Amino acid sequence: MGMRELVRTNNPALISWLTALLADAGIETVVLDMHTSIMEGSIGAIPRRLMVTEEDLMPARRILRDAGEDYST
């Protein structure tokens, strides 16, 4: 089961909110590049990526869209 990128952002508050929103719907997430961003001094140059499983990608996109946060491409 592979992971797919759902959102890429420099906004840690947005990552936190989206993670909570998806968790409420039973969708587990993984945040990538968080430690890299911290190591670079938290200047926001390295965006964090919110990942979900391939099977959760479409339901997660639907949840974000319904919440007014449409990041699908």
Protein backbone atom coordinates (compact mmCIF):
# COMPACT_ATOMS: atom_id res chain seq x y z
CA MET A 1 0.00 0.00 0.00
CA GLY A 2 1.64 3.22 -1.17
CA MET A 3 1.38 6.73 0.15
CA ARG A 4 0.23 9.72 -1.86
CA GLU A 5 0.76 13.42 -1.29
CA LEU A 6 -2.42 15.22 -0.34
CA VAL A 7 -1.11 18.70 0.54
CA ARG A 8 2.25 20.49 0.41
CA THR A 9 2.50 23.66 2.49
CA ASN A 10 4.79 25.78 4.64
CA ASN A 11 1.92 26.47 7.07
CA PRO A 12 2.26 24.25 10.17
CA ALA A 13 -1.12 25.38 11.51
CA LEU A 14 -2.81 24.25 8.29
CA ILE A 15 -1.06 20.86 8.47
CA SER A 16 -2.24 20.48 12.06
CA TRP A 17 -5.84 21.41 11.21
CA LEU A 18 -6.00 19.13 8.16
CA THR A 19 -4.50 16.25 10.15
CA ALA A 20 -7.19 16.69 12.84
CA LEU A 21 -9.94 17.02 10.24
CA LEU A 22 -8.90 13.80 8.52
CA ALA A 23 -8.38 11.97 11.83
CA ASP A 24 -11.98 12.80 12.77
CA ALA A 25 -13.00 10.99 9.58
CA GLY A 26 -10.82 7.99 10.42
CA ILE A 27 -8.12 8.77 7.88
CA GLU A 28 -4.54 8.41 9.09
CA THR A 29 -1.94 10.84 7.81
CA VAL A 30 1.83 11.09 7.80
CA VAL A 31 3.68 14.42 7.68
CA LEU A 32 6.93 14.30 5.71
CA ASP A 33 9.75 16.85 5.77
CA MET A 34 8.80 18.19 9.21
CA HIS A 35 12.24 17.47 10.68
CA THR A 36 14.03 18.78 7.59
CA SER A 37 12.12 22.04 7.92
CA ILE A 38 13.11 22.30 11.60
CA MET A 39 16.76 21.53 10.83
CA GLU A 40 16.83 24.34 8.27
CA GLY A 41 15.87 26.84 10.98
CA SER A 42 12.11 26.83 10.44
CA ILE A 43 12.40 29.60 7.87
CA GLY A 44 9.60 28.06 5.85
CA ALA A 45 11.75 27.29 2.83
CA ILE A 46 10.97 23.58 2.90
CA PRO A 47 7.28 22.74 2.64
CA ARG A 48 5.84 19.87 4.64
CA ARG A 49 3.90 17.17 2.84
CA LEU A 50 0.72 15.63 4.23
CA MET A 51 0.48 12.05 3.01
CA VAL A 52 -2.35 9.49 3.00
CA THR A 53 -2.62 5.95 1.71
CA GLU A 54 -3.65 5.47 -1.90
CA GLU A 55 -7.00 4.04 -0.82
CA ASP A 56 -7.69 7.10 1.38
CA LEU A 57 -6.67 9.67 -1.24
CA MET A 58 -10.07 10.22 -2.86
CA PRO A 59 -12.06 10.24 0.42
CA ALA A 60 -9.47 12.64 1.91
CA ARG A 61 -9.75 14.99 -1.07
CA ARG A 62 -13.53 14.91 -0.74
CA ILE A 63 -13.31 15.80 2.98
CA LEU A 64 -10.98 18.72 2.25
CA ARG A 65 -13.16 19.95 -0.58
CA ASP A 66 -16.26 19.80 1.66
CA ALA A 67 -14.35 21.82 4.28
CA GLY A 68 -13.44 24.47 1.69
CA GLU A 69 -9.81 23.34 1.43
CA ASP A 70 -9.52 21.92 -2.10
CA TYR A 71 -5.90 21.04 -2.90
CA SER A 72 -6.50 18.50 -5.67
CA THR A 73 -4.70 19.08 -8.94
